[in-house]
Amino acid sequence: MAPAESDVGKSVANHAYSYYPGCSLHATAAEYDVSARLVCQRVGIDLRELKDWVCCGASAAHSTDHLLSLALPAHTLKQAEEKGLPLAVPCALCFSRLKFTLHELENKDTLDLVSRAVGKELSTAVTVKPMLQVLADESVPLPIVKPLNGLKVACYYGCLLVRPPEVAGFDDAENPQTMDRLMERLGAEAIDWGLKTACCGAGVAFARFDIVLRLSHRLISLAERSGADCIAVACPMCHANLDMYQKDMTAKYGQKTQLPVLYFTQLMGLALGFSHKELLLNKHLTDPLPMLRDKKLI
């Protein structure tokens, strides 16, 4: 559901994308969807959500049935191709599955096999971009109302936006800078830290919670020691692991943890003049509002 347009500021650009929100953004990551739509409206990006899109299969299909793991994203790719627009994808897992499918469809035998499974003639003509890349493009002006001055942000990319590099084609797989540069444009300080592409354990979230807790605690701990006021993410699963389990980290490791984890679009929204209520900043389990009030950003 698209949010209502705020009366603060005006749209300033004119870009159109097909939009694939994916399952998480219609459920547990609603604040990512809402903030992405608000920000895109503000900067003049026209998001046109695909009709009848289906799950990309990131949670299970790719590990249980190879053909299904390609057919599910291929259905979405075909819809986007028919619209004739590049496809904007906010979720890093969805982005990864779509890009993997495009990569595999470059093989003609695979292309023919998946085309038969989907029941439509497929191609690799569609361009797939993560929402971070769409909004960080320097051709998109940012009508900043409230600069994020004094805010130190640990930009966390995770695994699937950047790896494998020959599939993702995103920035630098070891030391990406796209989100860092975006935060700097908004007035924040993107801190230098060493785990911006380390795994949070999302792939074993249900099977090995102990691994999730260890990996996520390592990330939170280093971000805090590096002086971050918050972590910015572009992945619903990364957000869930880092935001949801901080009390568990405190209980297990004896170190009190209270580091807000925000979607990069929420930070953009603040800088562009939206309220914390519009951006659903009250939805996080690790409350960011005290820190944002202390920084005079809300």
Protein backbone atom coordinates (compact mmCIF):
# COMPACT_ATOMS: atom_id res chain seq x y z
CA MET A 1 0.00 0.00 0.00
CA ALA A 2 1.48 3.33 -1.05
CA PRO A 3 1.60 5.98 1.69
CA ALA A 4 -0.02 9.36 1.30
CA GLU A 5 2.20 12.15 0.01
CA SER A 6 3.44 14.44 2.76
CA ASP A 7 3.01 18.17 2.28
CA VAL A 8 6.69 18.81 3.12
CA GLY A 9 8.88 19.53 0.09
CA LYS A 10 8.31 18.68 -3.55
CA SER A 11 9.25 16.00 -6.04
CA VAL A 12 12.28 17.12 -8.00
CA ALA A 13 13.20 14.38 -10.48
CA ASN A 14 11.42 12.26 -13.07
CA HIS A 15 12.42 8.60 -13.11
CA ALA A 16 10.12 5.59 -13.52
CA TYR A 17 10.76 2.05 -12.29
CA SER A 18 8.77 -1.11 -12.00
CA TYR A 19 8.69 -2.00 -8.31
CA TYR A 20 9.01 -5.45 -6.74
CA PRO A 21 8.60 -5.11 -2.96
CA GLY A 22 8.79 -8.83 -2.17
CA CYS A 23 7.12 -10.64 0.71
CA SER A 24 8.94 -9.09 3.68
CA LEU A 25 8.07 -5.52 2.74
CA HIS A 26 4.38 -6.39 2.79
CA ALA A 27 4.75 -7.87 6.29
CA THR A 28 7.55 -7.62 8.86
CA ALA A 29 9.50 -4.95 6.95
CA ALA A 30 6.55 -2.64 6.24
CA GLU A 31 8.59 0.35 7.44
CA TYR A 32 11.09 -0.29 4.64
CA ASP A 33 8.31 -0.30 2.04
CA VAL A 34 6.61 2.80 3.46
CA SER A 35 9.83 4.80 3.78
CA ALA A 36 11.05 3.75 0.32
CA ARG A 37 7.79 4.87 -1.29
CA LEU A 38 7.79 8.18 0.60
CA VAL A 39 11.38 8.95 -0.36
CA CYS A 40 10.81 7.99 -3.99
CA GLN A 41 7.77 10.26 -4.13
CA ARG A 42 9.81 13.11 -2.70
CA VAL A 43 12.68 12.81 -5.18
CA GLY A 44 10.41 12.23 -8.17
CA ILE A 45 10.93 8.51 -8.70
CA ASP A 46 7.74 6.90 -9.98
CA LEU A 47 7.44 3.38 -8.54
CA ARG A 48 4.97 1.17 -10.38
CA GLU A 49 4.39 -1.98 -8.37
CA LEU A 50 4.12 -5.08 -10.51
CA LYS A 51 0.74 -6.79 -10.43
CA ASP A 52 0.46 -10.44 -9.37
CA TRP A 53 4.11 -10.68 -8.37
CA VAL A 54 5.11 -13.86 -6.54
CA CYS A 55 7.66 -14.76 -3.87
CA CYS A 56 11.23 -14.86 -5.18
CA GLY A 57 11.84 -18.16 -3.35
CA ALA A 58 14.73 -16.84 -1.27
CA SER A 59 13.62 -18.57 1.91
CA ALA A 60 13.52 -22.15 0.64
CA ALA A 61 13.06 -22.74 -3.09
CA HIS A 62 16.67 -22.16 -4.12
CA SER A 63 17.86 -24.92 -1.78
CA THR A 64 15.13 -27.49 -2.51
CA ASP A 65 14.33 -27.27 -6.23
CA HIS A 66 16.69 -25.62 -8.69
CA LEU A 67 14.12 -25.20 -11.46
CA LEU A 68 11.60 -23.67 -9.06
CA SER A 69 14.30 -21.33 -7.75
CA LEU A 70 14.65 -19.94 -11.28
CA ALA A 71 10.99 -20.07 -12.32
CA LEU A 72 9.74 -17.94 -9.41
CA PRO A 73 12.05 -14.96 -10.10
CA ALA A 74 11.63 -15.48 -13.86
CA HIS A 75 7.90 -14.82 -13.50
CA THR A 76 8.70 -11.43 -11.98
CA LEU A 77 11.41 -10.68 -14.52
CA LYS A 78 8.98 -11.37 -17.37
CA GLN A 79 6.45 -8.95 -15.87
CA ALA A 80 9.13 -6.27 -15.60
CA GLU A 81 10.29 -6.90 -19.16
CA GLU A 82 6.73 -6.46 -20.44
CA LYS A 83 6.48 -3.11 -18.65
CA GLY A 84 9.63 -1.89 -20.40
CA LEU A 85 11.08 -0.28 -17.26
CA PRO A 86 14.07 -1.09 -15.06
CA LEU A 87 13.10 -3.02 -11.93
CA ALA A 88 13.72 -1.50 -8.47
CA VAL A 89 14.10 -4.09 -5.70
CA PRO A 90 14.46 -3.00 -2.05
CA CYS A 91 15.10 -6.43 -0.49
CA ALA A 92 18.67 -7.73 -0.80
CA LEU A 93 17.50 -11.36 -0.85
CA CYS A 94 15.02 -10.68 -3.66
CA PHE A 95 17.67 -8.72 -5.54
CA SER A 96 20.08 -11.64 -5.23
CA ARG A 97 17.55 -14.22 -6.48
CA LEU A 98 16.55 -12.05 -9.44
CA LYS A 99 20.18 -11.40 -10.41
CA PHE A 100 21.12 -15.08 -10.02
CA THR A 101 18.22 -16.00 -12.31
CA LEU A 102 19.28 -13.47 -14.95
CA HIS A 103 22.82 -14.84 -14.71
CA GLU A 104 21.67 -18.44 -15.23
CA LEU A 105 19.29 -17.51 -18.05
CA GLU A 106 22.30 -16.43 -20.09
CA ASN A 107 22.70 -20.16 -20.80
CA LYS A 108 20.35 -20.98 -23.72
CA ASP A 109 19.45 -24.46 -22.48
CA THR A 110 18.51 -23.03 -19.08
CA LEU A 111 16.60 -20.20 -20.75
CA ASP A 112 14.55 -22.69 -22.78
CA LEU A 113 13.90 -24.93 -19.76
CA VAL A 114 12.72 -22.09 -17.52
CA SER A 115 10.66 -20.55 -20.33
CA ARG A 116 8.74 -23.83 -20.61
CA ALA A 117 8.26 -23.95 -16.83
CA VAL A 118 6.93 -20.38 -16.72
CA GLY A 119 4.89 -20.78 -19.90
CA LYS A 120 6.31 -17.63 -21.47
CA GLU A 121 9.27 -16.80 -23.67
CA LEU A 122 11.90 -15.30 -21.40
CA SER A 123 14.91 -13.10 -22.07
CA THR A 124 17.61 -11.35 -20.08
CA ALA A 125 16.68 -7.88 -21.33
CA VAL A 126 15.42 -6.45 -18.03
CA THR A 127 17.64 -4.30 -15.78
CA VAL A 128 17.42 -5.10 -12.06
CA LYS A 129 18.63 -2.52 -9.52
CA PRO A 130 18.62 -2.58 -5.73
CA MET A 131 16.70 0.32 -4.20
CA LEU A 132 19.93 1.53 -2.63
CA GLN A 133 21.51 1.97 -6.06
CA VAL A 134 18.37 3.67 -7.40
CA LEU A 135 18.26 6.27 -4.61
CA ALA A 136 22.01 6.77 -4.29
CA ASP A 137 22.41 7.67 -7.95
CA GLU A 138 23.91 11.16 -8.01
CA SER A 139 21.55 12.15 -10.84
CA VAL A 140 18.73 11.99 -8.27
CA PRO A 141 18.66 15.36 -6.43
CA LEU A 142 18.01 15.29 -2.69
CA PRO A 143 15.82 18.20 -1.43
CA ILE A 144 17.23 18.07 2.10
CA VAL A 145 15.15 19.77 4.78
CA LYS A 146 16.90 18.49 7.92
CA PRO A 147 20.54 17.47 7.40
CA LEU A 148 21.67 14.52 9.50
CA ASN A 149 24.42 16.61 11.08
CA GLY A 150 26.21 14.94 13.97
CA LEU A 151 24.86 11.46 13.21
CA LYS A 152 27.47 8.72 12.93
CA VAL A 153 26.21 5.85 10.78
CA ALA A 154 27.65 2.37 10.34
CA CYS A 155 26.62 1.46 6.80
CA TYR A 156 25.93 -2.27 6.67
CA TYR A 157 25.54 -3.91 3.26
CA GLY A 158 25.50 -7.57 4.27
CA CYS A 159 26.22 -10.44 1.92
CA LEU A 160 23.70 -10.48 -0.87
CA LEU A 161 23.86 -6.94 -2.22
CA VAL A 162 27.51 -7.35 -3.12
CA ARG A 163 28.28 -11.06 -3.55
CA PRO A 164 29.13 -12.85 -5.70
CA PRO A 165 30.44 -9.78 -7.53
CA GLU A 166 30.10 -11.31 -10.99
CA VAL A 167 26.36 -11.72 -10.33
CA ALA A 168 25.52 -8.73 -8.13
CA GLY A 169 27.53 -6.18 -10.12
CA PHE A 170 27.25 -3.79 -7.19
CA ASP A 171 30.02 -1.41 -6.18
CA ASP A 172 32.97 -3.14 -4.44
CA ALA A 173 32.35 -6.57 -2.92
CA GLU A 174 34.82 -6.00 -0.07
CA ASN A 175 34.52 -2.29 0.66
CA PRO A 176 31.35 -0.89 -0.94
CA GLN A 177 30.83 2.86 -0.76
CA THR A 178 27.37 3.50 -2.25
CA MET A 179 25.50 3.82 1.06
CA ASP A 180 28.43 5.63 2.68
CA ARG A 181 28.38 8.32 -0.01
CA LEU A 182 24.60 8.62 0.28
CA MET A 183 24.79 9.15 4.06
CA GLU A 184 27.47 11.80 3.57
CA ARG A 185 25.22 13.60 1.06
CA LEU A 186 22.52 13.64 3.74
CA GLY A 187 24.88 15.30 6.22
CA ALA A 188 25.70 12.23 8.33
CA GLU A 189 29.14 10.79 8.98
CA ALA A 190 29.62 7.30 7.54
CA ILE A 191 32.07 5.71 9.96
CA ASP A 192 34.91 3.50 8.83
CA TRP A 193 34.43 -0.03 10.16
CA GLY A 194 35.48 -3.49 9.08
CA LEU A 195 32.31 -5.58 8.94
CA LYS A 196 30.14 -3.76 6.42
CA THR A 197 29.81 -6.90 4.23
CA ALA A 198 30.10 -9.58 6.94
CA CYS A 199 27.29 -12.14 7.31
CA CYS A 200 24.63 -11.65 10.01
CA GLY A 201 23.59 -15.32 9.91
CA ALA A 202 20.24 -14.82 8.18
CA GLY A 203 20.65 -18.01 6.15
CA VAL A 204 20.54 -20.14 9.31
CA ALA A 205 18.10 -17.97 11.28
CA PHE A 206 15.76 -20.85 12.13
CA ALA A 207 18.17 -23.77 12.25
CA ARG A 208 21.10 -22.28 14.23
CA PHE A 209 20.04 -19.37 16.39
CA ASP A 210 23.35 -19.64 18.28
CA ILE A 211 25.22 -18.77 15.07
CA VAL A 212 22.86 -15.87 14.32
CA LEU A 213 23.40 -14.48 17.80
CA ARG A 214 27.19 -14.78 17.60
CA LEU A 215 27.50 -13.19 14.16
CA SER A 216 24.99 -10.43 14.86
CA HIS A 217 26.58 -9.61 18.21
CA ARG A 218 29.97 -9.33 16.49
CA LEU A 219 28.51 -6.76 14.09
CA ILE A 220 26.69 -4.72 16.73
CA SER A 221 29.70 -4.79 19.03
CA LEU A 222 32.15 -3.49 16.43
CA ALA A 223 29.75 -0.80 15.25
CA GLU A 224 29.39 0.43 18.83
CA ARG A 225 33.15 0.35 19.44
CA SER A 226 33.67 2.26 16.19
CA GLY A 227 31.52 5.10 17.49
CA ALA A 228 28.31 4.52 15.51
CA ASP A 229 25.04 6.08 16.69
CA CYS A 230 23.11 3.62 14.53
CA ILE A 231 23.43 1.01 11.81
CA ALA A 232 21.86 1.58 8.38
CA VAL A 233 20.73 -1.48 6.44
CA ALA A 234 19.16 -2.37 3.08
CA CYS A 235 17.99 -5.90 3.87
CA PRO A 236 14.93 -7.05 5.88
CA MET A 237 16.67 -10.18 7.17
CA CYS A 238 19.74 -8.23 8.29
CA HIS A 239 17.45 -5.74 9.99
CA ALA A 240 15.53 -8.49 11.78
CA ASN A 241 18.67 -10.15 13.14
CA LEU A 242 20.37 -6.96 14.26
CA ASP A 243 17.28 -5.20 15.64
CA MET A 244 15.33 -8.08 17.15
CA TYR A 245 17.94 -9.91 19.18
CA GLN A 246 19.80 -7.20 21.07
CA LYS A 247 18.23 -8.22 24.40
CA ASP A 248 19.32 -11.80 23.72
CA MET A 249 22.84 -10.52 23.01
CA THR A 250 22.87 -8.68 26.34
CA ALA A 251 21.68 -11.80 28.17
CA LYS A 252 24.24 -14.09 26.52
CA TYR A 253 27.31 -11.87 26.40
CA GLY A 254 26.72 -9.67 29.45
CA GLN A 255 27.28 -6.46 27.51
CA LYS A 256 24.27 -4.13 27.37
CA THR A 257 23.42 -3.43 23.76
CA GLN A 258 21.11 -0.65 22.58
CA LEU A 259 22.18 0.34 19.07
CA PRO A 260 19.36 1.41 16.72
CA VAL A 261 19.18 -0.37 13.37
CA LEU A 262 17.39 1.63 10.67
CA TYR A 263 16.65 1.19 7.00
CA PHE A 264 18.68 3.63 4.93
CA THR A 265 15.39 4.90 3.48
CA GLN A 266 14.22 5.93 6.95
CA LEU A 267 17.33 8.05 7.40
CA MET A 268 16.78 9.54 3.96
CA GLY A 269 13.18 10.26 4.93
CA LEU A 270 14.25 12.16 8.05
CA ALA A 271 16.66 14.29 6.02
CA LEU A 272 13.96 14.98 3.43
CA GLY A 273 11.54 16.27 6.04
CA PHE A 274 9.25 13.36 6.89
CA SER A 275 8.21 12.78 10.51
CA HIS A 276 9.26 9.77 12.55
CA LYS A 277 5.61 8.67 12.59
CA GLU A 278 5.37 8.76 8.79
CA LEU A 279 8.56 6.69 8.59
CA LEU A 280 7.33 4.14 11.18
CA LEU A 281 10.39 4.68 13.33
CA ASN A 282 8.37 3.52 16.33
CA LYS A 283 8.13 0.02 14.83
CA HIS A 284 11.65 -1.10 15.71
CA LEU A 285 12.30 -3.30 18.73
CA THR A 286 15.50 -1.40 19.54
CA ASP A 287 14.00 2.06 19.98
CA PRO A 288 15.81 4.70 17.87
CA LEU A 289 13.72 7.65 19.08
CA PRO A 290 15.80 8.58 22.19
CA MET A 291 18.98 8.70 20.10
CA LEU A 292 17.30 10.72 17.35
CA ARG A 293 15.88 13.18 19.91
CA ASP A 294 19.32 13.52 21.48
CA LYS A 295 20.72 14.36 18.03
CA LYS A 296 17.84 16.84 17.51
CA LEU A 297 16.77 14.97 14.38
CA ILE A 298 13.16 14.57 15.51
